[in-house]
Amino acid sequence: MLKDDIKKVLISRLVRGRHWGEAYTHNIRRFLPKHLRGEKVTDEAIEELIKQEWLIIPKYKRGEPMFSLNPRAESVKEIMQSYEEYGNAA
């Protein structure tokens, strides 16, 4: 699975689960197949989503980052456009 495919799956699952702003989830890797959860490409995909400001880390719980989608207006438009373009990737 390519990095872009991983990003599509993560965004799709976060949008469908309504994880925006303070509605965070601690383990976004669970959305992926087991063989990709600990891979370097998965870490790179998550880092790219954070750099694009699509993913935010609103808080840490027990030392683990809690992830959610960025609720800022321009980010919402970009995320939803990507989500609609790729449909249900997960």
PDB file of N, CA and C in Angstrom:
ATOM      1  N   MET A   1       0.856  -1.173   0.000  1.00  0.00           N
ATOM      2  CA  MET A   1       0.000   0.000   0.000  1.00  0.00           C
ATOM      3  C   MET A   1       0.900   1.234   0.000  1.00  0.00           C
ATOM      4  N   LEU A   2       0.602   2.172  -0.847  1.00  0.00           N
ATOM      5  CA  LEU A   2       1.386   3.381  -0.958  1.00  0.00           C
ATOM      6  C   LEU A   2       0.990   4.397   0.114  1.00  0.00           C
ATOM      7  N   LYS A   3       1.878   5.359   0.293  1.00  0.00           N
ATOM      8  CA  LYS A   3       1.651   6.394   1.302  1.00  0.00           C
ATOM      9  C   LYS A   3       0.340   7.137   1.057  1.00  0.00           C
ATOM     10  N   ASP A   4       0.048   7.446  -0.208  1.00  0.00           N
ATOM     11  CA  ASP A   4      -1.201   8.150  -0.515  1.00  0.00           C
ATOM     12  C   ASP A   4      -2.421   7.307  -0.175  1.00  0.00           C
ATOM     13  N   ASP A   5      -2.313   6.011  -0.398  1.00  0.00           N
ATOM     14  CA  ASP A   5      -3.426   5.116  -0.048  1.00  0.00           C
ATOM     15  C   ASP A   5      -3.658   5.095   1.462  1.00  0.00           C
ATOM     16  N   ILE A   6      -2.576   5.104   2.216  1.00  0.00           N
ATOM     17  CA  ILE A   6      -2.683   5.121   3.677  1.00  0.00           C
ATOM     18  C   ILE A   6      -3.353   6.412   4.131  1.00  0.00           C
ATOM     19  N   LYS A   7      -2.959   7.529   3.539  1.00  0.00           N
ATOM     20  CA  LYS A   7      -3.567   8.815   3.898  1.00  0.00           C
ATOM     21  C   LYS A   7      -5.052   8.828   3.562  1.00  0.00           C
ATOM     22  N   LYS A   8      -5.425   8.256   2.417  1.00  0.00           N
ATOM     23  CA  LYS A   8      -6.840   8.197   2.030  1.00  0.00           C
ATOM     24  C   LYS A   8      -7.656   7.400   3.040  1.00  0.00           C
ATOM     25  N   VAL A   9      -7.111   6.271   3.458  1.00  0.00           N
ATOM     26  CA  VAL A   9      -7.822   5.430   4.424  1.00  0.00           C
ATOM     27  C   VAL A   9      -7.986   6.162   5.746  1.00  0.00           C
ATOM     28  N   LEU A  10      -6.919   6.789   6.232  1.00  0.00           N
ATOM     29  CA  LEU A  10      -6.986   7.495   7.513  1.00  0.00           C
ATOM     30  C   LEU A  10      -7.983   8.643   7.468  1.00  0.00           C
ATOM     31  N   ILE A  11      -7.915   9.462   6.413  1.00  0.00           N
ATOM     32  CA  ILE A  11      -8.837  10.590   6.296  1.00  0.00           C
ATOM     33  C   ILE A  11     -10.273  10.094   6.183  1.00  0.00           C
ATOM     34  N   SER A  12     -10.484   9.083   5.372  1.00  0.00           N
ATOM     35  CA  SER A  12     -11.829   8.544   5.192  1.00  0.00           C
ATOM     36  C   SER A  12     -12.419   8.061   6.513  1.00  0.00           C
ATOM     37  N   ARG A  13     -11.646   7.311   7.264  1.00  0.00           N
ATOM     38  CA  ARG A  13     -12.144   6.774   8.536  1.00  0.00           C
ATOM     39  C   ARG A  13     -12.361   7.871   9.577  1.00  0.00           C
ATOM     40  N   LEU A  14     -11.497   8.877   9.599  1.00  0.00           N
ATOM     41  CA  LEU A  14     -11.667   9.976  10.552  1.00  0.00           C
ATOM     42  C   LEU A  14     -12.886  10.827  10.200  1.00  0.00           C
ATOM     43  N   VAL A  15     -13.124  11.059   8.906  1.00  0.00           N
ATOM     44  CA  VAL A  15     -14.300  11.835   8.494  1.00  0.00           C
ATOM     45  C   VAL A  15     -15.569  11.072   8.846  1.00  0.00           C
ATOM     46  N   ARG A  16     -15.609   9.790   8.495  1.00  0.00           N
ATOM     47  CA  ARG A  16     -16.808   8.996   8.780  1.00  0.00           C
ATOM     48  C   ARG A  16     -17.045   8.847  10.276  1.00  0.00           C
ATOM     49  N   GLY A  17     -15.981   8.841  11.070  1.00  0.00           N
ATOM     50  CA  GLY A  17     -16.128   8.732  12.519  1.00  0.00           C
ATOM     51  C   GLY A  17     -16.351  10.074  13.199  1.00  0.00           C
ATOM     52  N   ARG A  18     -16.360  11.145  12.401  1.00  0.00           N
ATOM     53  CA  ARG A  18     -16.569  12.513  12.905  1.00  0.00           C
ATOM     54  C   ARG A  18     -15.554  12.902  13.971  1.00  0.00           C
ATOM     55  N   HIS A  19     -14.305  12.625  13.704  1.00  0.00           N
ATOM     56  CA  HIS A  19     -13.218  12.982  14.619  1.00  0.00           C
ATOM     57  C   HIS A  19     -12.639  14.339  14.220  1.00  0.00           C
ATOM     58  N   TRP A  20     -13.359  15.410  14.565  1.00  0.00           N
ATOM     59  CA  TRP A  20     -12.949  16.785  14.262  1.00  0.00           C
ATOM     60  C   TRP A  20     -12.660  17.498  15.575  1.00  0.00           C
ATOM     61  N   GLY A  21     -11.596  18.277  15.622  1.00  0.00           N
ATOM     62  CA  GLY A  21     -11.287  19.098  16.785  1.00  0.00           C
ATOM     63  C   GLY A  21     -11.095  18.289  18.049  1.00  0.00           C
ATOM     64  N   GLU A  22     -11.955  18.506  19.027  1.00  0.00           N
ATOM     65  CA  GLU A  22     -11.827  17.828  20.318  1.00  0.00           C
ATOM     66  C   GLU A  22     -12.402  16.406  20.309  1.00  0.00           C
ATOM     67  N   ALA A  23     -12.998  15.984  19.213  1.00  0.00           N
ATOM     68  CA  ALA A  23     -13.483  14.608  19.099  1.00  0.00           C
ATOM     69  C   ALA A  23     -12.333  13.769  18.540  1.00  0.00           C
ATOM     70  N   TYR A  24     -11.403  13.421  19.386  1.00  0.00           N
ATOM     71  CA  TYR A  24     -10.165  12.779  18.970  1.00  0.00           C
ATOM     72  C   TYR A  24     -10.207  11.273  19.188  1.00  0.00           C
ATOM     73  N   THR A  25      -9.246  10.611  18.581  1.00  0.00           N
ATOM     74  CA  THR A  25      -9.066   9.181  18.755  1.00  0.00           C
ATOM     75  C   THR A  25      -7.591   8.936  19.028  1.00  0.00           C
ATOM     76  N   HIS A  26      -7.279   7.966  19.824  1.00  0.00           N
ATOM     77  CA  HIS A  26      -5.893   7.758  20.219  1.00  0.00           C
ATOM     78  C   HIS A  26      -5.129   6.832  19.291  1.00  0.00           C
ATOM     79  N   ASN A  27      -5.778   5.966  18.583  1.00  0.00           N
ATOM     80  CA  ASN A  27      -5.053   4.989  17.797  1.00  0.00           C
ATOM     81  C   ASN A  27      -5.561   4.955  16.364  1.00  0.00           C
ATOM     82  N   ILE A  28      -5.044   5.853  15.528  1.00  0.00           N
ATOM     83  CA  ILE A  28      -5.505   5.872  14.145  1.00  0.00           C
ATOM     84  C   ILE A  28      -4.913   4.721  13.338  1.00  0.00           C
ATOM     85  N   ARG A  29      -3.894   4.086  13.849  1.00  0.00           N
ATOM     86  CA  ARG A  29      -3.300   2.952  13.149  1.00  0.00           C
ATOM     87  C   ARG A  29      -4.263   1.761  13.071  1.00  0.00           C
ATOM     88  N   ARG A  30      -5.238   1.706  13.965  1.00  0.00           N
ATOM     89  CA  ARG A  30      -6.191   0.590  13.958  1.00  0.00           C
ATOM     90  C   ARG A  30      -7.068   0.606  12.717  1.00  0.00           C
ATOM     91  N   PHE A  31      -7.098   1.726  11.994  1.00  0.00           N
ATOM     92  CA  PHE A  31      -7.875   1.824  10.775  1.00  0.00           C
ATOM     93  C   PHE A  31      -7.198   1.117   9.606  1.00  0.00           C
ATOM     94  N   LEU A  32      -5.928   0.763   9.777  1.00  0.00           N
ATOM     95  CA  LEU A  32      -5.137   0.158   8.707  1.00  0.00           C
ATOM     96  C   LEU A  32      -5.026  -1.347   8.884  1.00  0.00           C
ATOM     97  N   PRO A  33      -4.680  -2.061   7.806  1.00  0.00           N
ATOM     98  CA  PRO A  33      -4.421  -3.496   7.943  1.00  0.00           C
ATOM     99  C   PRO A  33      -3.259  -3.745   8.903  1.00  0.00           C
ATOM    100  N   LYS A  34      -3.277  -4.858   9.570  1.00  0.00           N
ATOM    101  CA  LYS A  34      -2.276  -5.146  10.609  1.00  0.00           C
ATOM    102  C   LYS A  34      -0.846  -5.087  10.101  1.00  0.00           C
ATOM    103  N   HIS A  35      -0.609  -5.490   8.876  1.00  0.00           N
ATOM    104  CA  HIS A  35       0.761  -5.513   8.380  1.00  0.00           C
ATOM    105  C   HIS A  35       1.328  -4.123   8.115  1.00  0.00           C
ATOM    106  N   LEU A  36       0.510  -3.079   8.151  1.00  0.00           N
ATOM    107  CA  LEU A  36       0.979  -1.709   7.920  1.00  0.00           C
ATOM    108  C   LEU A  36       1.066  -0.871   9.184  1.00  0.00           C
ATOM    109  N   ARG A  37       0.562  -1.341  10.277  1.00  0.00           N
ATOM    110  CA  ARG A  37       0.448  -0.519  11.484  1.00  0.00           C
ATOM    111  C   ARG A  37       1.777  -0.045  12.045  1.00  0.00           C
ATOM    112  N   GLY A  38       2.805  -0.842  11.964  1.00  0.00           N
ATOM    113  CA  GLY A  38       4.088  -0.449  12.528  1.00  0.00           C
ATOM    114  C   GLY A  38       5.121  -0.075  11.491  1.00  0.00           C
ATOM    115  N   GLU A  39       4.713   0.079  10.256  1.00  0.00           N
ATOM    116  CA  GLU A  39       5.644   0.340   9.169  1.00  0.00           C
ATOM    117  C   GLU A  39       6.065   1.806   9.104  1.00  0.00           C
ATOM    118  N   LYS A  40       7.237   2.022   8.535  1.00  0.00           N
ATOM    119  CA  LYS A  40       7.780   3.369   8.387  1.00  0.00           C
ATOM    120  C   LYS A  40       6.905   4.214   7.465  1.00  0.00           C
ATOM    121  N   VAL A  41       6.362   3.613   6.417  1.00  0.00           N
ATOM    122  CA  VAL A  41       5.519   4.346   5.477  1.00  0.00           C
ATOM    123  C   VAL A  41       4.271   4.893   6.170  1.00  0.00           C
ATOM    124  N   THR A  42       3.766   4.186   7.158  1.00  0.00           N
ATOM    125  CA  THR A  42       2.608   4.659   7.919  1.00  0.00           C
ATOM    126  C   THR A  42       2.984   5.887   8.741  1.00  0.00           C
ATOM    127  N   ASP A  43       4.145   5.836   9.394  1.00  0.00           N
ATOM    128  CA  ASP A  43       4.618   6.994  10.161  1.00  0.00           C
ATOM    129  C   ASP A  43       4.807   8.203   9.250  1.00  0.00           C
ATOM    130  N   GLU A  44       5.357   7.972   8.061  1.00  0.00           N
ATOM    131  CA  GLU A  44       5.572   9.064   7.116  1.00  0.00           C
ATOM    132  C   GLU A  44       4.245   9.662   6.653  1.00  0.00           C
ATOM    133  N   ALA A  45       3.250   8.823   6.408  1.00  0.00           N
ATOM    134  CA  ALA A  45       1.933   9.310   5.984  1.00  0.00           C
ATOM    135  C   ALA A  45       1.297  10.169   7.071  1.00  0.00           C
ATOM    136  N   ILE A  46       1.389   9.721   8.315  1.00  0.00           N
ATOM    137  CA  ILE A  46       0.822  10.487   9.434  1.00  0.00           C
ATOM    138  C   ILE A  46       1.551  11.819   9.584  1.00  0.00           C
ATOM    139  N   GLU A  47       2.883  11.803   9.469  1.00  0.00           N
ATOM    140  CA  GLU A  47       3.659  13.042   9.570  1.00  0.00           C
ATOM    141  C   GLU A  47       3.280  14.024   8.455  1.00  0.00           C
ATOM    142  N   GLU A  48       3.073  13.523   7.247  1.00  0.00           N
ATOM    143  CA  GLU A  48       2.672  14.399   6.144  1.00  0.00           C
ATOM    144  C   GLU A  48       1.303  15.028   6.392  1.00  0.00           C
ATOM    145  N   LEU A  49       0.374  14.252   6.939  1.00  0.00           N
ATOM    146  CA  LEU A  49      -0.948  14.806   7.251  1.00  0.00           C
ATOM    147  C   LEU A  49      -0.860  15.881   8.336  1.00  0.00           C
ATOM    148  N   ILE A  50       0.045  15.705   9.274  1.00  0.00           N
ATOM    149  CA  ILE A  50       0.246  16.722  10.311  1.00  0.00           C
ATOM    150  C   ILE A  50       0.871  17.967   9.699  1.00  0.00           C
ATOM    151  N   LYS A  51       1.868  17.807   8.810  1.00  0.00           N
ATOM    152  CA  LYS A  51       2.507  18.954   8.160  1.00  0.00           C
ATOM    153  C   LYS A  51       1.540  19.702   7.255  1.00  0.00           C
ATOM    154  N   GLN A  52       0.615  18.976   6.611  1.00  0.00           N
ATOM    155  CA  GLN A  52      -0.415  19.611   5.787  1.00  0.00           C
ATOM    156  C   GLN A  52      -1.468  20.305   6.648  1.00  0.00           C
ATOM    157  N   GLU A  53      -1.407  20.087   7.940  1.00  0.00           N
ATOM    158  CA  GLU A  53      -2.362  20.622   8.906  1.00  0.00           C
ATOM    159  C   GLU A  53      -3.751  20.032   8.719  1.00  0.00           C
ATOM    160  N   TRP A  54      -3.824  18.798   8.244  1.00  0.00           N
ATOM    161  CA  TRP A  54      -5.095  18.085   8.174  1.00  0.00           C
ATOM    162  C   TRP A  54      -5.335  17.343   9.467  1.00  0.00           C
ATOM    163  N   LEU A  55      -4.276  16.846  10.068  1.00  0.00           N
ATOM    164  CA  LEU A  55      -4.360  16.156  11.358  1.00  0.00           C
ATOM    165  C   LEU A  55      -3.786  17.062  12.430  1.00  0.00           C
ATOM    166  N   ILE A  56      -4.418  17.067  13.581  1.00  0.00           N
ATOM    167  CA  ILE A  56      -3.884  17.801  14.730  1.00  0.00           C
ATOM    168  C   ILE A  56      -3.818  16.854  15.919  1.00  0.00           C
ATOM    169  N   ILE A  57      -3.020  17.243  16.881  1.00  0.00           N
ATOM    170  CA  ILE A  57      -2.905  16.487  18.125  1.00  0.00           C
ATOM    171  C   ILE A  57      -3.391  17.406  19.238  1.00  0.00           C
ATOM    172  N   PRO A  58      -4.697  17.362  19.562  1.00  0.00           N
ATOM    173  CA  PRO A  58      -5.233  18.285  20.558  1.00  0.00           C
ATOM    174  C   PRO A  58      -4.752  18.002  21.984  1.00  0.00           C
ATOM    175  N   LYS A  59      -4.363  16.750  22.266  1.00  0.00           N
ATOM    176  CA  LYS A  59      -3.874  16.446  23.606  1.00  0.00           C
ATOM    177  C   LYS A  59      -3.151  15.111  23.611  1.00  0.00           C
ATOM    178  N   TYR A  60      -2.482  14.846  24.706  1.00  0.00           N
ATOM    179  CA  TYR A  60      -1.813  13.567  24.922  1.00  0.00           C
ATOM    180  C   TYR A  60      -2.471  12.882  26.108  1.00  0.00           C
ATOM    181  N   LYS A  61      -2.617  11.580  26.019  1.00  0.00           N
ATOM    182  CA  LYS A  61      -3.189  10.812  27.106  1.00  0.00           C
ATOM    183  C   LYS A  61      -2.279   9.623  27.361  1.00  0.00           C
ATOM    184  N   ARG A  62      -1.804   9.511  28.570  1.00  0.00           N
ATOM    185  CA  ARG A  62      -0.862   8.453  28.945  1.00  0.00           C
ATOM    186  C   ARG A  62       0.346   8.423  28.023  1.00  0.00           C
ATOM    187  N   GLY A  63       0.814   9.597  27.622  1.00  0.00           N
ATOM    188  CA  GLY A  63       1.987   9.701  26.774  1.00  0.00           C
ATOM    189  C   GLY A  63       1.734   9.441  25.304  1.00  0.00           C
ATOM    190  N   GLU A  64       0.518   9.065  24.939  1.00  0.00           N
ATOM    191  CA  GLU A  64       0.175   8.775  23.552  1.00  0.00           C
ATOM    192  C   GLU A  64      -0.537   9.979  22.930  1.00  0.00           C
ATOM    193  N   PRO A  65      -0.206  10.319  21.685  1.00  0.00           N
ATOM    194  CA  PRO A  65      -0.917  11.429  21.038  1.00  0.00           C
ATOM    195  C   PRO A  65      -2.341  11.040  20.691  1.00  0.00           C
ATOM    196  N   MET A  66      -3.230  11.996  20.825  1.00  0.00           N
ATOM    197  CA  MET A  66      -4.630  11.820  20.457  1.00  0.00           C
ATOM    198  C   MET A  66      -4.827  12.614  19.158  1.00  0.00           C
ATOM    199  N   PHE A  67      -5.277  11.972  18.097  1.00  0.00           N
ATOM    200  CA  PHE A  67      -5.387  12.596  16.785  1.00  0.00           C
ATOM    201  C   PHE A  67      -6.823  12.986  16.464  1.00  0.00           C
ATOM    202  N   SER A  68      -6.962  14.080  15.703  1.00  0.00           N
ATOM    203  CA  SER A  68      -8.264  14.461  15.154  1.00  0.00           C
ATOM    204  C   SER A  68      -8.021  15.282  13.897  1.00  0.00           C
ATOM    205  N   LEU A  69      -9.078  15.483  13.136  1.00  0.00           N
ATOM    206  CA  LEU A  69      -8.999  16.312  11.947  1.00  0.00           C
ATOM    207  C   LEU A  69      -9.043  17.774  12.344  1.00  0.00           C
ATOM    208  N   ASN A  70      -8.353  18.599  11.585  1.00  0.00           N
ATOM    209  CA  ASN A  70      -8.283  20.022  11.863  1.00  0.00           C
ATOM    210  C   ASN A  70      -9.610  20.690  11.480  1.00  0.00           C
ATOM    211  N   PRO A  71     -10.286  21.354  12.430  1.00  0.00           N
ATOM    212  CA  PRO A  71     -11.585  21.966  12.134  1.00  0.00           C
ATOM    213  C   PRO A  71     -11.503  23.378  11.530  1.00  0.00           C
ATOM    214  N   ARG A  72     -10.294  23.853  11.198  1.00  0.00           N
ATOM    215  CA  ARG A  72     -10.175  25.173  10.574  1.00  0.00           C
ATOM    216  C   ARG A  72     -10.859  25.182   9.212  1.00  0.00           C
ATOM    217  N   ALA A  73     -11.446  26.296   8.835  1.00  0.00           N
ATOM    218  CA  ALA A  73     -12.285  26.397   7.638  1.00  0.00           C
ATOM    219  C   ALA A  73     -11.595  25.921   6.367  1.00  0.00           C
ATOM    220  N   GLU A  74     -10.386  26.405   6.069  1.00  0.00           N
ATOM    221  CA  GLU A  74      -9.748  25.987   4.814  1.00  0.00           C
ATOM    222  C   GLU A  74      -9.335  24.519   4.848  1.00  0.00           C
ATOM    223  N   SER A  75      -8.958  24.025   6.014  1.00  0.00           N
ATOM    224  CA  SER A  75      -8.614  22.612   6.128  1.00  0.00           C
ATOM    225  C   SER A  75      -9.838  21.730   5.922  1.00  0.00           C
ATOM    226  N   VAL A  76     -10.971  22.152   6.441  1.00  0.00           N
ATOM    227  CA  VAL A  76     -12.207  21.383   6.290  1.00  0.00           C
ATOM    228  C   VAL A  76     -12.552  21.251   4.813  1.00  0.00           C
ATOM    229  N   LYS A  77     -12.440  22.349   4.075  1.00  0.00           N
ATOM    230  CA  LYS A  77     -12.753  22.316   2.649  1.00  0.00           C
ATOM    231  C   LYS A  77     -11.836  21.347   1.911  1.00  0.00           C
ATOM    232  N   GLU A  78     -10.536  21.423   2.199  1.00  0.00           N
ATOM    233  CA  GLU A  78      -9.571  20.545   1.542  1.00  0.00           C
ATOM    234  C   GLU A  78      -9.824  19.077   1.900  1.00  0.00           C
ATOM    235  N   ILE A  79     -10.053  18.828   3.166  1.00  0.00           N
ATOM    236  CA  ILE A  79     -10.274  17.456   3.626  1.00  0.00           C
ATOM    237  C   ILE A  79     -11.537  16.883   3.005  1.00  0.00           C
ATOM    238  N   MET A  80     -12.611  17.641   3.021  1.00  0.00           N
ATOM    239  CA  MET A  80     -13.873  17.136   2.473  1.00  0.00           C
ATOM    240  C   MET A  80     -13.788  16.959   0.954  1.00  0.00           C
ATOM    241  N   GLN A  81     -13.062  17.837   0.276  1.00  0.00           N
ATOM    242  CA  GLN A  81     -12.882  17.688  -1.161  1.00  0.00           C
ATOM    243  C   GLN A  81     -12.112  16.398  -1.458  1.00  0.00           C
ATOM    244  N   SER A  82     -11.077  16.132  -0.699  1.00  0.00           N
ATOM    245  CA  SER A  82     -10.302  14.900  -0.864  1.00  0.00           C
ATOM    246  C   SER A  82     -11.164  13.687  -0.544  1.00  0.00           C
ATOM    247  N   TYR A  83     -11.924  13.760   0.526  1.00  0.00           N
ATOM    248  CA  TYR A  83     -12.793  12.655   0.937  1.00  0.00           C
ATOM    249  C   TYR A  83     -13.820  12.332  -0.152  1.00  0.00           C
ATOM    250  N   GLU A  84     -14.453  13.359  -0.709  1.00  0.00           N
ATOM    251  CA  GLU A  84     -15.459  13.149  -1.744  1.00  0.00           C
ATOM    252  C   GLU A  84     -14.836  12.648  -3.042  1.00  0.00           C
ATOM    253  N   GLU A  85     -13.624  13.105  -3.334  1.00  0.00           N
ATOM    254  CA  GLU A  85     -12.931  12.683  -4.553  1.00  0.00           C
ATOM    255  C   GLU A  85     -12.598  11.194  -4.529  1.00  0.00           C
ATOM    256  N   TYR A  86     -12.144  10.724  -3.383  1.00  0.00           N
ATOM    257  CA  TYR A  86     -11.725   9.340  -3.276  1.00  0.00           C
ATOM    258  C   TYR A  86     -12.799   8.422  -2.742  1.00  0.00           C
ATOM    259  N   GLY A  87     -13.911   8.982  -2.295  1.00  0.00           N
ATOM    260  CA  GLY A  87     -15.019   8.176  -1.806  1.00  0.00           C
ATOM    261  C   GLY A  87     -14.648   7.411  -0.547  1.00  0.00           C
ATOM    262  N   ASN A  88     -15.187   6.266  -0.386  1.00  0.00           N
ATOM    263  CA  ASN A  88     -14.944   5.437   0.791  1.00  0.00           C
ATOM    264  C   ASN A  88     -13.747   4.538   0.542  1.00  0.00           C
ATOM    265  N   ALA A  89     -12.579   5.019   0.893  1.00  0.00           N
ATOM    266  CA  ALA A  89     -11.344   4.257   0.676  1.00  0.00           C
ATOM    267  C   ALA A  89     -11.192   3.120   1.667  1.00  0.00           C
ATOM    268  N   ALA A  90     -11.853   3.244   2.794  1.00  0.00           N
ATOM    269  CA  ALA A  90     -11.672   2.215   3.834  1.00  0.00           C
ATOM    270  C   ALA A  90     -12.808   1.226   3.827  1.00  0.00           C
TER     271      ALA A  90
END
